[in-house]
Protein backbone atom coordinates (compact mmCIF):
# COMPACT_ATOMS: atom_id res chain seq x y z
CA MET A 1 131.44 83.95 37.81
CA GLU A 2 130.63 87.51 38.84
CA LYS A 3 133.43 90.05 38.63
CA ILE A 4 134.54 91.43 41.99
CA SER A 5 134.46 95.09 42.99
CA TYR A 6 137.37 96.81 44.73
CA LYS A 7 138.57 100.33 45.43
CA ILE A 8 141.61 101.71 43.62
CA ASN A 9 143.55 103.96 45.96
CA PRO A 10 143.20 107.51 44.60
CA LYS A 11 146.89 108.24 45.22
CA GLU A 12 147.79 105.43 42.84
CA ARG A 13 146.14 107.27 39.96
CA PHE A 14 147.56 110.62 41.13
CA TYR A 15 151.17 109.46 41.39
CA PHE A 16 150.84 107.44 38.19
CA SER A 17 149.78 110.58 36.32
CA ILE A 18 152.76 112.53 37.64
CA ARG A 19 155.19 109.72 36.80
CA LEU A 20 153.65 109.37 33.34
CA ILE A 21 154.05 113.07 32.54
CA ILE A 22 157.66 113.09 33.74
CA SER A 23 158.46 109.91 31.81
CA ILE A 24 156.93 111.22 28.57
CA ILE A 25 158.98 114.40 28.90
CA ALA A 26 162.10 112.34 29.56
CA TYR A 27 161.47 110.08 26.54
CA LEU A 28 160.94 113.13 24.33
CA LEU A 29 164.17 114.70 25.59
CA ILE A 30 166.05 111.46 24.91
CA LEU A 31 164.62 111.34 21.39
CA LEU A 32 165.56 114.99 20.84
CA ALA A 33 169.06 114.34 22.15
CA ILE A 34 169.49 111.40 19.75
CA VAL A 35 168.37 113.55 16.83
CA GLU A 36 170.75 116.34 17.81
CA LEU A 37 173.64 113.97 18.41
CA SER A 38 173.14 112.51 14.95
CA LYS A 39 174.02 115.97 13.65
CA ALA A 40 177.10 116.25 15.84
CA PRO A 41 180.54 116.82 14.29
CA ALA A 42 182.64 113.76 13.50
CA ASN A 43 185.07 114.50 16.33
CA VAL A 44 182.23 114.22 18.88
CA LEU A 45 180.91 110.91 17.54
CA PRO A 46 183.30 108.63 19.54
CA ALA A 47 182.13 110.20 22.82
CA VAL A 48 178.50 109.76 21.80
CA LEU A 49 179.06 106.11 20.88
CA MET A 50 180.87 105.53 24.16
CA PHE A 51 177.93 107.01 26.08
CA LEU A 52 175.46 104.79 24.22
CA PHE A 53 177.69 101.76 24.71
CA TYR A 54 177.83 102.15 28.50
CA GLY A 55 174.12 102.91 28.62
CA GLY A 56 173.47 99.69 26.74
CA LEU A 57 175.75 97.77 29.10
CA LEU A 58 173.83 99.10 32.08
CA ALA A 59 170.51 98.04 30.55
CA LEU A 60 171.98 94.61 29.75
CA PHE A 61 173.19 94.25 33.34
CA PHE A 62 169.70 94.83 34.75
CA PHE A 63 168.18 92.50 32.16
CA ILE A 64 170.62 89.69 33.01
CA ARG A 65 170.10 90.24 36.75
CA ALA A 66 166.33 89.92 36.34
CA GLY A 67 166.80 86.85 34.15
CA LEU A 68 169.06 85.19 36.71
CA PHE A 69 166.53 85.87 39.44
CA VAL A 70 163.71 84.30 37.47
CA GLY A 71 166.02 81.44 36.49
CA HIS A 72 166.78 80.82 40.16
CA ILE A 73 163.06 80.64 40.91
CA LYS A 74 162.39 78.23 38.05
CA GLY A 75 165.37 76.07 38.96
CA ASN A 76 164.83 75.80 42.70
CA ALA A 77 161.25 76.68 43.69
CA VAL A 78 158.31 74.28 43.47
CA LYS A 79 155.84 75.22 40.76
CA ILE A 80 152.19 75.19 41.79
CA THR A 81 150.08 73.14 39.37
CA LYS A 82 146.89 71.10 39.34
CA SER A 83 148.90 68.10 40.53
CA GLN A 84 151.46 69.94 42.70
CA PHE A 85 149.77 71.64 45.67
CA PRO A 86 146.37 71.37 43.97
CA ASP A 87 144.62 73.11 46.89
CA ILE A 88 146.79 76.20 46.40
CA TYR A 89 146.31 76.04 42.64
CA GLU A 90 142.55 76.02 43.24
CA ILE A 91 142.88 79.32 45.13
CA LEU A 92 144.88 80.82 42.27
CA GLU A 93 142.39 79.57 39.72
CA ARG A 94 139.40 80.90 41.66
CA HIS A 95 140.96 84.32 42.31
CA CYS A 96 142.13 84.72 38.71
CA GLU A 97 138.71 83.85 37.39
CA LYS A 98 137.15 86.56 39.54
CA LEU A 99 139.82 89.07 38.51
CA LYS A 100 139.48 88.12 34.83
CA ILE A 101 143.22 87.47 34.42
CA SER A 102 145.30 84.50 33.30
CA ILE A 103 146.89 82.38 36.01
CA PRO A 104 150.51 83.52 36.39
CA ALA A 105 153.34 81.04 36.79
CA SER A 106 153.30 80.51 40.55
CA TYR A 107 155.95 79.00 42.80
CA ILE A 108 156.68 78.10 46.43
CA LEU A 109 160.16 79.14 47.53
CA GLN A 110 162.05 78.23 50.70
CA SER A 111 162.63 81.51 52.51
CA ASP A 112 164.83 80.94 55.59
CA GLY A 113 161.97 82.00 57.85
CA MET A 114 160.86 85.06 55.91
CA LEU A 115 157.11 85.65 55.78
CA ASN A 116 156.21 87.17 52.45
CA ALA A 117 155.15 86.72 48.86
CA PHE A 118 155.77 88.78 45.75
CA ALA A 119 154.83 89.23 42.12
CA THR A 120 157.27 89.96 39.32
CA ARG A 121 157.36 90.04 35.52
CA PHE A 122 160.01 89.08 32.98
CA ILE A 123 159.84 89.05 29.17
CA GLY A 124 156.10 89.42 29.07
CA ARG A 125 155.30 86.75 31.65
CA ASN A 126 153.94 87.25 35.18
CA TYR A 127 155.19 85.30 38.18
CA VAL A 128 153.89 84.94 41.73
CA VAL A 129 156.18 83.53 44.42
CA ILE A 130 154.90 82.45 47.84
CA TYR A 131 157.46 81.92 50.56
CA SER A 132 157.19 78.51 52.19
CA GLU A 133 156.66 79.88 55.71
CA ILE A 134 153.41 81.50 54.58
CA LEU A 135 152.21 78.18 53.20
CA GLU A 136 153.07 76.38 56.44
CA ILE A 137 150.80 78.76 58.34
CA ALA A 138 147.96 77.96 55.96
CA TYR A 139 148.32 74.23 56.51
CA GLU A 140 148.60 74.63 60.29
CA GLN A 141 145.95 77.27 60.98
CA GLY A 142 143.71 77.62 57.93
CA GLN A 143 144.06 79.07 54.47
CA GLU A 144 142.10 82.34 54.68
CA ALA A 145 145.20 84.44 55.39
CA LEU A 146 146.96 82.70 52.50
CA GLU A 147 144.01 83.50 50.23
CA PHE A 148 144.38 87.19 51.09
CA ILE A 149 148.14 87.16 50.48
CA ILE A 150 147.74 85.42 47.12
CA ALA A 151 144.93 87.81 46.16
CA HIS A 152 147.15 90.77 47.06
CA GLU A 153 149.92 89.57 44.74
CA LEU A 154 147.44 88.85 41.96
CA GLY A 155 146.30 92.43 42.42
CA HIS A 156 149.69 93.58 41.14
CA VAL A 157 149.13 91.45 38.04
CA LYS A 158 145.59 92.75 37.59
CA ARG A 159 146.70 96.37 37.84
CA SER A 160 149.79 95.78 35.63
CA HIS A 161 151.99 97.40 38.28
CA MET A 162 155.21 95.70 37.13
CA THR A 163 154.74 96.73 33.50
CA ARG A 164 153.80 100.27 34.44
CA SER A 165 156.81 100.67 36.72
CA LEU A 166 159.12 99.62 33.89
CA LEU A 167 157.56 102.08 31.44
CA LEU A 168 157.71 104.84 34.08
CA LEU A 169 161.39 104.21 34.81
CA PRO A 170 162.59 107.73 33.78
CA SER A 171 160.52 109.23 36.61
CA VAL A 172 162.93 107.77 39.19
CA ILE A 173 164.87 111.02 38.76
CA LEU A 174 162.30 112.62 41.08
CA PRO A 175 163.12 111.59 44.67
CA PHE A 176 160.45 109.80 46.70
CA LEU A 177 157.93 109.69 43.82
CA PRO A 178 158.43 106.02 42.79
CA LYS A 179 158.20 104.93 46.45
CA ALA A 180 155.03 106.98 46.96
CA TYR A 181 153.50 105.37 43.88
CA SER A 182 154.50 101.91 45.11
CA ARG A 183 152.88 102.50 48.52
CA ALA A 184 149.65 103.60 46.84
CA CYS A 185 149.73 100.43 44.72
CA GLU A 186 150.09 98.35 47.87
CA TYR A 187 146.94 99.93 49.31
CA THR A 188 145.06 99.06 46.10
CA CYS A 189 146.27 95.46 46.22
CA ASP A 190 145.23 95.20 49.86
CA ASN A 191 141.76 96.31 48.76
CA ILE A 192 141.78 93.59 46.10
CA GLY A 193 142.90 91.06 48.68
CA LYS A 194 140.08 92.06 51.01
CA ALA A 195 137.53 91.85 48.18
CA LEU A 196 138.62 88.28 47.47
CA SER A 197 139.27 87.14 51.05
CA LEU A 198 137.51 89.31 53.60
CA ASN A 199 138.05 86.92 56.49
CA GLY A 200 141.77 86.57 55.78
CA ALA A 201 142.65 90.26 55.39
CA ALA A 202 143.53 91.07 59.01
CA ASP A 203 145.48 87.85 59.60
CA GLY A 204 147.26 88.19 56.27
CA LEU A 205 148.74 91.51 57.37
CA LEU A 206 149.26 90.65 61.04
CA ILE A 207 151.37 87.64 60.08
CA LEU A 208 153.83 90.08 58.50
CA ALA A 209 153.89 92.13 61.70
CA ALA A 210 154.07 89.54 64.48
CA GLY A 211 155.02 86.27 62.82
CA LYS A 212 153.26 82.94 62.38
CA LYS A 213 152.89 82.14 66.09
CA LEU A 214 152.03 85.48 67.70
CA TYR A 215 149.83 87.15 65.08
CA THR A 216 146.65 85.71 66.64
CA LYS A 217 147.53 87.47 69.94
CA VAL A 218 147.75 90.98 68.48
CA ASN A 219 145.11 93.52 69.52
CA ILE A 220 144.39 95.17 66.16
CA ALA A 221 142.83 98.34 67.56
CA GLU A 222 145.77 98.87 69.92
CA TYR A 223 148.25 98.18 67.10
CA ILE A 224 146.62 100.84 64.92
CA ASN A 225 146.42 103.31 67.83
CA ASN A 226 150.12 102.88 68.58
CA GLU A 227 150.90 103.96 65.02
CA GLN A 228 148.89 107.13 65.52
CA ASN A 229 150.26 107.84 69.00
CA GLU A 230 153.94 107.39 68.21
CA PRO A 231 154.90 110.19 65.83
CA GLY A 232 158.51 110.91 64.98
CA PHE A 233 160.71 112.07 62.14
CA TRP A 234 162.57 108.81 61.66
CA LYS A 235 159.43 106.71 61.54
CA TRP A 236 157.97 109.14 59.00
CA PHE A 237 161.18 109.22 56.95
CA ALA A 238 161.60 105.43 57.01
CA GLU A 239 158.12 105.04 55.52
CA LYS A 240 158.82 107.65 52.83
CA MET A 241 161.88 105.62 51.83
CA SER A 242 159.91 102.37 51.74
CA SER A 243 157.94 100.77 48.91
CA HIS A 244 155.28 99.61 51.41
CA PRO A 245 153.15 101.60 53.87
CA ASN A 246 153.53 100.86 57.56
CA LEU A 247 151.46 97.81 58.47
CA PRO A 248 149.12 99.59 60.94
CA LYS A 249 148.20 102.02 58.16
CA ARG A 250 147.43 99.12 55.86
CA LEU A 251 145.14 97.62 58.50
CA LYS A 252 143.44 100.99 59.01
CA ASN A 253 143.01 101.33 55.25
CA LEU A 254 141.08 98.05 55.26
CA ASP A 255 139.09 99.19 58.30
CA MET A 256 140.31 96.22 60.32
CA LYS A 257 139.65 97.07 63.96
């Protein structure tokens, strides 16, 4: 099967480069600090060990929290397989073949009405979780929007966004930078979603904006124009604090008018 072509958002590469430089500097400083602390006088050693102990506890806390989250998914969500939701598995299989990636462990999770999906990674394994409300829309009104949403999440796997974010963790010391990088990654994954499901791209995003009943009523051009015609500090600041771009901008990025 022919490999697909998609556009990587240029800001993704730009922000990645900045985060990488900052992270390398931070790792070098940590290494230098460890070397210097190893030469510290004996009376300073207890304080150093205490610092390392609490740092280790913090890392363990985040590791356990991630493990519990994945454990909750495995224990309660429905895993998508060739015999469990085979039609959805076929979409995963087809998209992954085009992206030249392995099929991640994929699940359907009851979401209390939330319309979303996400990709995550834990101990070297990728996961994709689709909220049940999204799947209901596919069965009621067609699966093209679902194909876009799945393709978007597989885009994160293809681009190794979860692994990169973990390696670039020290760069969180710079305010707004990780969020800016995340928003750029979302644009790239939207491009991947469009490349794999052109007809589902607009609906896949509009569902997130207007819900599973009203999204077909939205005037896309008007929705995008409202974003441009309603400036304001708090709207701007809210987006800068978010990991995702505003939805009208994502539609405009895909040239959905």
